[in-house]
C-alpha atoms as a PDB file:
ATOM      1  CA  UNK A   1       6.036  17.090 -34.044  1.00  0.00           C
ATOM      2  CA  UNK A   2       9.105  14.900 -34.354  1.00  0.00           C
ATOM      3  CA  UNK A   3      10.021  14.646 -30.673  1.00  0.00           C
ATOM      4  CA  UNK A   4       6.546  13.656 -29.424  1.00  0.00           C
ATOM      5  CA  UNK A   5       5.184  10.122 -29.761  1.00  0.00           C
ATOM      6  CA  UNK A   6       1.497   9.966 -30.631  1.00  0.00           C
ATOM      7  CA  UNK A   7      -0.971   7.239 -29.654  1.00  0.00           C
ATOM      8  CA  UNK A   8      -1.109   4.525 -32.267  1.00  0.00           C
ATOM      9  CA  UNK A   9       2.535   4.810 -33.364  1.00  0.00           C
ATOM     10  CA  UNK A  10       4.245   1.438 -33.656  1.00  0.00           C
ATOM     11  CA  UNK A  11       7.769   0.448 -32.598  1.00  0.00           C
ATOM     12  CA  UNK A  12       9.896  -2.673 -32.220  1.00  0.00           C
ATOM     13  CA  UNK A  13      10.987  -3.617 -28.695  1.00  0.00           C
ATOM     14  CA  UNK A  14      12.095  -6.549 -26.550  1.00  0.00           C
ATOM     15  CA  UNK A  15       9.247  -7.906 -24.437  1.00  0.00           C
ATOM     16  CA  UNK A  16      10.436  -9.537 -21.213  1.00  0.00           C
ATOM     17  CA  UNK A  17       7.145 -11.425 -20.851  1.00  0.00           C
ATOM     18  CA  UNK A  18       7.211 -12.889 -24.392  1.00  0.00           C
ATOM     19  CA  UNK A  19      11.012 -13.235 -24.345  1.00  0.00           C
ATOM     20  CA  UNK A  20      11.468 -11.932 -27.867  1.00  0.00           C
ATOM     21  CA  UNK A  21      11.482  -8.901 -30.142  1.00  0.00           C
ATOM     22  CA  UNK A  22       7.906  -7.773 -30.710  1.00  0.00           C
ATOM     23  CA  UNK A  23       5.840  -5.045 -32.282  1.00  0.00           C
ATOM     24  CA  UNK A  24       4.454  -2.598 -29.708  1.00  0.00           C
ATOM     25  CA  UNK A  25       1.931   0.188 -30.011  1.00  0.00           C
ATOM     26  CA  UNK A  26       2.081   3.460 -28.082  1.00  0.00           C
ATOM     27  CA  UNK A  27      -0.851   4.674 -26.000  1.00  0.00           C
ATOM     28  CA  UNK A  28      -1.463   6.623 -22.813  1.00  0.00           C
ATOM     29  CA  UNK A  29      -2.177   4.540 -19.733  1.00  0.00           C
ATOM     30  CA  UNK A  30      -1.006   3.466 -16.306  1.00  0.00           C
ATOM     31  CA  UNK A  31       2.563   2.510 -15.513  1.00  0.00           C
ATOM     32  CA  UNK A  32       3.117   0.203 -12.532  1.00  0.00           C
ATOM     33  CA  UNK A  33       6.363   0.072 -10.552  1.00  0.00           C
ATOM     34  CA  UNK A  34       7.331  -3.130  -8.740  1.00  0.00           C
ATOM     35  CA  UNK A  35       6.822  -1.398  -5.362  1.00  0.00           C
ATOM     36  CA  UNK A  36       3.141  -0.763  -6.136  1.00  0.00           C
ATOM     37  CA  UNK A  37       3.439   2.863  -7.253  1.00  0.00           C
ATOM     38  CA  UNK A  38       1.049   3.551 -10.150  1.00  0.00           C
ATOM     39  CA  UNK A  39       1.441   6.544 -12.440  1.00  0.00           C
ATOM     40  CA  UNK A  40      -1.410   7.698 -14.648  1.00  0.00           C
ATOM     41  CA  UNK A  41      -1.267   9.075 -18.209  1.00  0.00           C
ATOM     42  CA  UNK A  42       2.124   7.708 -19.224  1.00  0.00           C
ATOM     43  CA  UNK A  43       2.845   7.340 -22.955  1.00  0.00           C
ATOM     44  CA  UNK A  44       4.076   3.769 -23.132  1.00  0.00           C
ATOM     45  CA  UNK A  45       4.521   1.161 -25.826  1.00  0.00           C
ATOM     46  CA  UNK A  46       2.525  -1.979 -25.112  1.00  0.00           C
ATOM     47  CA  UNK A  47       3.425  -5.381 -26.569  1.00  0.00           C
ATOM     48  CA  UNK A  48       0.908  -6.258 -29.297  1.00  0.00           C
ATOM     49  CA  UNK A  49       1.077  -9.939 -28.264  1.00  0.00           C
ATOM     50  CA  UNK A  50       0.738  -9.907 -24.447  1.00  0.00           C
ATOM     51  CA  UNK A  51      -0.271  -6.320 -23.602  1.00  0.00           C
ATOM     52  CA  UNK A  52       2.623  -5.643 -21.215  1.00  0.00           C
ATOM     53  CA  UNK A  53       4.427  -2.252 -21.315  1.00  0.00           C
ATOM     54  CA  UNK A  54       7.808  -2.592 -23.068  1.00  0.00           C
ATOM     55  CA  UNK A  55       8.935   1.032 -23.422  1.00  0.00           C
ATOM     56  CA  UNK A  56       8.155   4.520 -22.158  1.00  0.00           C
ATOM     57  CA  UNK A  57       8.238   7.548 -24.427  1.00  0.00           C
ATOM     58  CA  UNK A  58      10.715  10.244 -23.383  1.00  0.00           C
ATOM     59  CA  UNK A  59       7.886  12.758 -23.191  1.00  0.00           C
ATOM     60  CA  UNK A  60       6.493  10.908 -20.141  1.00  0.00           C
ATOM     61  CA  UNK A  61       9.763  10.643 -18.236  1.00  0.00           C
ATOM     62  CA  UNK A  62       8.860  13.788 -16.253  1.00  0.00           C
ATOM     63  CA  UNK A  63       5.797  11.995 -14.859  1.00  0.00           C
ATOM     64  CA  UNK A  64       7.954   9.147 -13.575  1.00  0.00           C
ATOM     65  CA  UNK A  65      10.536  11.511 -12.102  1.00  0.00           C
ATOM     66  CA  UNK A  66       7.840  13.626 -10.398  1.00  0.00           C
ATOM     67  CA  UNK A  67       6.128  10.574  -8.913  1.00  0.00           C
ATOM     68  CA  UNK A  68       9.421   9.193  -7.595  1.00  0.00           C
ATOM     69  CA  UNK A  69      10.375  12.590  -6.152  1.00  0.00           C
ATOM     70  CA  UNK A  70       6.964  12.867  -4.480  1.00  0.00           C
ATOM     71  CA  UNK A  71       7.611   9.564  -2.720  1.00  0.00           C
ATOM     72  CA  UNK A  72      10.740  11.051  -1.140  1.00  0.00           C
ATOM     73  CA  UNK A  73       8.843  14.054   0.250  1.00  0.00           C
ATOM     74  CA  UNK A  74       7.449  13.812   3.747  1.00  0.00           C
ATOM     75  CA  UNK A  75       3.812  14.807   3.889  1.00  0.00           C
ATOM     76  CA  UNK A  76       2.617  16.128   7.224  1.00  0.00           C
ATOM     77  CA  UNK A  77      -0.323  18.059   8.594  1.00  0.00           C
ATOM     78  CA  UNK A  78       0.588  20.848  10.960  1.00  0.00           C
ATOM     79  CA  UNK A  79      -1.910  22.049  13.560  1.00  0.00           C
ATOM     80  CA  UNK A  80      -1.496  25.662  14.602  1.00  0.00           C
ATOM     81  CA  UNK A  81      -3.375  28.580  16.119  1.00  0.00           C
ATOM     82  CA  UNK A  82      -5.493  30.582  13.693  1.00  0.00           C
ATOM     83  CA  UNK A  83      -3.363  33.625  14.528  1.00  0.00           C
ATOM     84  CA  UNK A  84      -0.255  31.906  13.132  1.00  0.00           C
ATOM     85  CA  UNK A  85      -2.110  30.929   9.949  1.00  0.00           C
ATOM     86  CA  UNK A  86      -3.146  34.573   9.600  1.00  0.00           C
ATOM     87  CA  UNK A  87       0.490  35.605  10.122  1.00  0.00           C
ATOM     88  CA  UNK A  88       1.553  33.299   7.265  1.00  0.00           C
ATOM     89  CA  UNK A  89      -1.157  34.760   4.988  1.00  0.00           C
ATOM     90  CA  UNK A  90      -0.025  38.293   5.852  1.00  0.00           C
ATOM     91  CA  UNK A  91       3.631  37.490   5.112  1.00  0.00           C
ATOM     92  CA  UNK A  92       2.718  35.838   1.809  1.00  0.00           C
ATOM     93  CA  UNK A  93       0.598  38.832   0.855  1.00  0.00           C
ATOM     94  CA  UNK A  94       3.479  41.210   1.648  1.00  0.00           C
ATOM     95  CA  UNK A  95       5.727  39.167  -0.659  1.00  0.00           C
ATOM     96  CA  UNK A  96       3.170  39.321  -3.475  1.00  0.00           C
ATOM     97  CA  UNK A  97       2.206  35.649  -3.169  1.00  0.00           C
ATOM     98  CA  UNK A  98      -1.258  34.159  -2.863  1.00  0.00           C
ATOM     99  CA  UNK A  99      -2.217  33.752   0.819  1.00  0.00           C
ATOM    100  CA  UNK A 100      -3.154  30.104   0.183  1.00  0.00           C
ATOM    101  CA  UNK A 101       0.453  29.092  -0.541  1.00  0.00           C
ATOM    102  CA  UNK A 102       1.390  28.178   3.028  1.00  0.00           C
ATOM    103  CA  UNK A 103       3.836  25.565   1.775  1.00  0.00           C
ATOM    104  CA  UNK A 104       5.778  28.297  -0.041  1.00  0.00           C
ATOM    105  CA  UNK A 105       6.121  30.211   3.215  1.00  0.00           C
ATOM    106  CA  UNK A 106       7.384  27.168   5.127  1.00  0.00           C
ATOM    107  CA  UNK A 107       9.928  26.497   2.385  1.00  0.00           C
ATOM    108  CA  UNK A 108      11.117  30.101   2.656  1.00  0.00           C
ATOM    109  CA  UNK A 109      11.217  29.803   6.442  1.00  0.00           C
ATOM    110  CA  UNK A 110      13.328  26.645   6.381  1.00  0.00           C
ATOM    111  CA  UNK A 111      15.601  28.007   3.640  1.00  0.00           C
ATOM    112  CA  UNK A 112      16.218  31.072   5.803  1.00  0.00           C
ATOM    113  CA  UNK A 113      17.338  28.702   8.592  1.00  0.00           C
ATOM    114  CA  UNK A 114      19.776  26.790   6.373  1.00  0.00           C
ATOM    115  CA  UNK A 115      23.341  27.019   7.711  1.00  0.00           C
ATOM    116  CA  UNK A 116      22.073  28.805  10.831  1.00  0.00           C
ATOM    117  CA  UNK A 117      20.533  25.774  12.508  1.00  0.00           C
ATOM    118  CA  UNK A 118      22.728  25.925  15.631  1.00  0.00           C
ATOM    119  CA  UNK A 119      21.909  29.570  16.359  1.00  0.00           C
ATOM    120  CA  UNK A 120      18.213  29.204  15.508  1.00  0.00           C
ATOM    121  CA  UNK A 121      17.973  25.932  17.452  1.00  0.00           C
ATOM    122  CA  UNK A 122      19.076  27.758  20.605  1.00  0.00           C
ATOM    123  CA  UNK A 123      16.482  30.481  19.940  1.00  0.00           C
ATOM    124  CA  UNK A 124      13.762  27.858  19.371  1.00  0.00           C
ATOM    125  CA  UNK A 125      14.533  26.267  22.725  1.00  0.00           C
ATOM    126  CA  UNK A 126      13.852  29.593  24.479  1.00  0.00           C
ATOM    127  CA  UNK A 127      11.006  30.826  22.212  1.00  0.00           C
ATOM    128  CA  UNK A 128       7.968  31.977  24.153  1.00  0.00           C
ATOM    129  CA  UNK A 129       4.913  33.839  23.003  1.00  0.00           C
ATOM    130  CA  UNK A 130       1.255  33.898  24.142  1.00  0.00           C
ATOM    131  CA  UNK A 131       0.192  32.761  20.646  1.00  0.00           C
ATOM    132  CA  UNK A 132       1.850  29.376  21.269  1.00  0.00           C
ATOM    133  CA  UNK A 133      -0.725  28.573  23.969  1.00  0.00           C
ATOM    134  CA  UNK A 134      -3.697  29.449  21.746  1.00  0.00           C
ATOM    135  CA  UNK A 135      -5.946  26.576  20.532  1.00  0.00           C
ATOM    136  CA  UNK A 136      -4.613  24.781  17.449  1.00  0.00           C
ATOM    137  CA  UNK A 137      -7.704  25.239  15.285  1.00  0.00           C
ATOM    138  CA  UNK A 138      -6.055  25.677  11.869  1.00  0.00           C
ATOM    139  CA  UNK A 139      -4.267  23.025   9.873  1.00  0.00           C
ATOM    140  CA  UNK A 140      -1.752  23.240   7.050  1.00  0.00           C
ATOM    141  CA  UNK A 141      -0.592  20.323   4.928  1.00  0.00           C
ATOM    142  CA  UNK A 142       3.080  20.388   4.000  1.00  0.00           C
ATOM    143  CA  UNK A 143       5.282  18.295   1.757  1.00  0.00           C
ATOM    144  CA  UNK A 144       8.886  18.636   2.804  1.00  0.00           C
ATOM    145  CA  UNK A 145      11.696  17.703   0.433  1.00  0.00           C
ATOM    146  CA  UNK A 146      14.647  15.640   1.652  1.00  0.00           C
ATOM    147  CA  UNK A 147      16.856  18.791   1.750  1.00  0.00           C
ATOM    148  CA  UNK A 148      14.337  20.701   3.869  1.00  0.00           C
ATOM    149  CA  UNK A 149      13.968  17.655   6.121  1.00  0.00           C
ATOM    150  CA  UNK A 150      17.729  17.870   6.732  1.00  0.00           C
ATOM    151  CA  UNK A 151      17.247  21.455   7.959  1.00  0.00           C
ATOM    152  CA  UNK A 152      14.374  20.285  10.189  1.00  0.00           C
ATOM    153  CA  UNK A 153      16.533  17.477  11.627  1.00  0.00           C
ATOM    154  CA  UNK A 154      19.338  19.929  12.402  1.00  0.00           C
ATOM    155  CA  UNK A 155      16.870  22.270  14.088  1.00  0.00           C
ATOM    156  CA  UNK A 156      15.523  19.342  16.115  1.00  0.00           C
ATOM    157  CA  UNK A 157      19.028  18.371  17.210  1.00  0.00           C
ATOM    158  CA  UNK A 158      20.065  21.894  18.233  1.00  0.00           C
ATOM    159  CA  UNK A 159      16.757  22.826  19.891  1.00  0.00           C
ATOM    160  CA  UNK A 160      15.925  19.500  21.520  1.00  0.00           C
ATOM    161  CA  UNK A 161      12.335  19.849  20.200  1.00  0.00           C
ATOM    162  CA  UNK A 162      11.394  16.579  18.509  1.00  0.00           C
ATOM    163  CA  UNK A 163       7.714  17.306  17.799  1.00  0.00           C
ATOM    164  CA  UNK A 164       7.585  18.724  14.256  1.00  0.00           C
ATOM    165  CA  UNK A 165       4.424  20.763  14.844  1.00  0.00           C
ATOM    166  CA  UNK A 166       5.838  22.356  18.002  1.00  0.00           C
ATOM    167  CA  UNK A 167       9.119  23.100  16.249  1.00  0.00           C
ATOM    168  CA  UNK A 168       7.387  24.783  13.285  1.00  0.00           C
ATOM    169  CA  UNK A 169       5.007  26.764  15.509  1.00  0.00           C
ATOM    170  CA  UNK A 170       7.971  28.157  17.450  1.00  0.00           C
ATOM    171  CA  UNK A 171       9.789  28.823  14.184  1.00  0.00           C
ATOM    172  CA  UNK A 172       6.812  30.902  13.019  1.00  0.00           C
ATOM    173  CA  UNK A 173       7.077  32.973  16.207  1.00  0.00           C
ATOM    174  CA  UNK A 174      10.789  33.523  15.496  1.00  0.00           C
ATOM    175  CA  UNK A 175       9.956  34.516  11.918  1.00  0.00           C
ATOM    176  CA  UNK A 176       8.305  37.613  13.338  1.00  0.00           C
ATOM    177  CA  UNK A 177      11.501  38.747  15.095  1.00  0.00           C
ATOM    178  CA  UNK A 178      14.087  41.145  13.736  1.00  0.00           C
ATOM    179  CA  UNK A 179      16.753  38.440  13.683  1.00  0.00           C
ATOM    180  CA  UNK A 180      14.950  36.087  11.297  1.00  0.00           C
ATOM    181  CA  UNK A 181      12.250  38.184   9.634  1.00  0.00           C
ATOM    182  CA  UNK A 182      14.393  39.901   6.925  1.00  0.00           C
ATOM    183  CA  UNK A 183      15.833  36.601   5.627  1.00  0.00           C
ATOM    184  CA  UNK A 184      12.423  34.914   5.627  1.00  0.00           C
ATOM    185  CA  UNK A 185      10.896  37.876   3.793  1.00  0.00           C
ATOM    186  CA  UNK A 186      13.671  37.788   1.183  1.00  0.00           C
ATOM    187  CA  UNK A 187      13.247  34.020   0.641  1.00  0.00           C
ATOM    188  CA  UNK A 188       9.447  34.373   0.492  1.00  0.00           C
ATOM    189  CA  UNK A 189       9.679  37.118  -2.138  1.00  0.00           C
ATOM    190  CA  UNK A 190      12.153  35.043  -4.162  1.00  0.00           C
ATOM    191  CA  UNK A 191       9.964  31.935  -4.045  1.00  0.00           C
ATOM    192  CA  UNK A 192       6.800  33.954  -4.741  1.00  0.00           C
ATOM    193  CA  UNK A 193       8.247  34.848  -8.135  1.00  0.00           C
ATOM    194  CA  UNK A 194       8.942  31.177  -8.842  1.00  0.00           C
ATOM    195  CA  UNK A 195       5.383  30.214  -7.830  1.00  0.00           C
ATOM    196  CA  UNK A 196       3.788  33.049  -9.834  1.00  0.00           C
END
């Protein structure tokens, strides 16, 4: 393959550590960013004189991009009643998705709220349901992208609910109403195809 660099291939590069043009050999290994982020299995050329990475093969650029994107995502654990976790599994199943893809459902839910934050925020403020007072025995881990976090922030502003878990629990209750359910179902079905 012409576009893929193989371990053991040699190249010429400028080594910042040695301060000159050197011969470097490609191999898979760790790549360290200055901020401490370490990425595994990166095809990089290593200076034959000092052993420092001097170049990264284009085929590994996706690993760097993914790791940097992951840093921008907010990771959170949401505690919720078992009944709401069951509701998510049911909705995912209806859309043809695997019931274990809770994150897919929350993405669909937040996408369905996009550009409707003011209206939905007012509904969240008034949302009441017996399920909200049930024990929070289930937990779901979510990674929210910067764009979805913008939707969450708008919902927080319009609803006055700052606690993320409370906001998402109430949003799940709204997802079962006629006003929000069709858009969430459509987004869930669309994303289920992408996750298939």
